[in-house]
Amino acid sequence: MQAFPQDREAARLEVELTDLLRQSERAARLTEATGEGSRLEKAGDLAGALALWKRHLGEDPDLAEAASAVVRLEAEIARKEMARRREAAQA
């Protein structure tokens, strides 16, 4: 049985719509994560912000923003820990 051109077009449009919905959901998650991550960082909760970004990275490994935030926060946490240890050693 041969598909009608309308059926092929409908199938193509369904795939396109599904892809657009997926992209929209991803953008919404990123917007939410960015806002929450910023709020946590401003409040001084670097560990909380790091956990948030790691969770988002686990859900979407291709999310460059999450990967960047994880690297940046891990470096900042390590820097603060080294400064704390230097201060403790000098005391």
Protein backbone atom coordinates (compact mmCIF):
# COMPACT_ATOMS: atom_id res chain seq x y z
CA MET A 1 0.00 0.00 0.00
CA GLN A 2 1.43 3.36 -1.03
CA ALA A 3 1.26 6.34 1.33
CA PHE A 4 -0.46 9.44 0.10
CA PRO A 5 1.65 12.63 -0.14
CA GLN A 6 -0.49 14.14 2.62
CA ASP A 7 0.43 11.25 4.94
CA ARG A 8 4.14 11.78 4.33
CA GLU A 9 3.78 15.51 4.91
CA ALA A 10 1.82 14.91 8.11
CA ALA A 11 4.51 12.50 9.36
CA ARG A 12 7.25 15.02 8.53
CA LEU A 13 5.38 17.78 10.33
CA GLU A 14 4.85 15.56 13.36
CA VAL A 15 8.60 14.86 13.57
CA GLU A 16 9.34 18.57 13.17
CA LEU A 17 6.83 19.51 15.87
CA THR A 18 8.22 16.89 18.25
CA ASP A 19 11.72 18.28 17.72
CA LEU A 20 10.54 21.85 18.34
CA LEU A 21 8.79 20.80 21.54
CA ARG A 22 11.95 19.05 22.72
CA GLN A 23 14.00 22.17 22.02
CA SER A 24 11.45 24.34 23.82
CA GLU A 25 11.50 22.09 26.89
CA ARG A 26 15.30 22.16 26.89
CA ALA A 27 15.32 25.96 26.68
CA ALA A 28 12.84 26.18 29.55
CA ARG A 29 14.99 23.88 31.72
CA LEU A 30 18.07 25.93 30.92
CA THR A 31 16.29 29.18 31.78
CA GLU A 32 15.10 27.73 35.08
CA ALA A 33 18.53 26.30 35.91
CA THR A 34 20.28 29.56 35.08
CA GLY A 35 17.97 31.53 37.35
CA GLU A 36 18.20 29.06 40.21
CA GLY A 37 21.95 28.65 39.80
CA SER A 38 22.48 32.41 39.87
CA ARG A 39 20.29 32.73 42.95
CA LEU A 40 22.25 30.03 44.77
CA GLU A 41 25.60 31.55 43.81
CA LYS A 42 24.55 35.04 44.91
CA ALA A 43 23.43 33.56 48.23
CA GLY A 44 26.91 32.02 48.60
CA ASP A 45 25.67 28.45 48.16
CA LEU A 46 28.29 27.31 45.66
CA ALA A 47 27.83 23.65 46.59
CA GLY A 48 24.09 23.94 45.97
CA ALA A 49 24.66 25.65 42.62
CA LEU A 50 27.19 22.98 41.67
CA ALA A 51 24.75 20.18 42.56
CA LEU A 52 22.04 21.87 40.50
CA TRP A 53 24.25 22.19 37.41
CA LYS A 54 25.54 18.63 37.78
CA ARG A 55 21.95 17.39 37.88
CA HIS A 56 21.12 19.31 34.69
CA LEU A 57 24.30 18.05 33.04
CA GLY A 58 23.30 14.49 33.96
CA GLU A 59 19.90 15.04 32.35
CA ASP A 60 21.37 16.62 29.23
CA PRO A 61 25.09 15.86 28.69
CA ASP A 62 25.18 18.16 25.64
CA LEU A 63 24.20 21.21 27.68
CA ALA A 64 27.33 23.35 27.29
CA GLU A 65 26.09 25.93 29.80
CA ALA A 66 25.85 23.28 32.50
CA ALA A 67 29.30 21.88 31.72
CA SER A 68 30.79 25.36 31.85
CA ALA A 69 29.08 26.14 35.15
CA VAL A 70 30.30 22.88 36.70
CA VAL A 71 33.91 23.59 35.75
CA ARG A 72 33.68 27.21 36.91
CA LEU A 73 32.06 26.31 40.25
CA GLU A 74 34.45 23.43 40.96
CA ALA A 75 37.38 25.80 40.37
CA GLU A 76 35.84 28.48 42.62
CA ILE A 77 35.13 25.98 45.40
CA ALA A 78 38.70 24.64 45.17
CA ARG A 79 40.11 28.18 45.23
CA LYS A 80 38.10 29.06 48.34
CA GLU A 81 39.13 25.82 50.05
CA MET A 82 42.82 26.51 49.35
CA ALA A 83 42.46 30.04 50.73
CA ARG A 84 40.74 28.66 53.83
CA ARG A 85 43.55 26.15 54.38
CA ARG A 86 46.23 28.86 53.97
CA GLU A 87 44.46 31.03 56.53
CA ALA A 88 44.16 28.09 58.93
CA ALA A 89 47.85 27.26 58.53
CA GLN A 90 48.82 30.86 59.28
CA ALA A 91 46.67 31.03 62.41
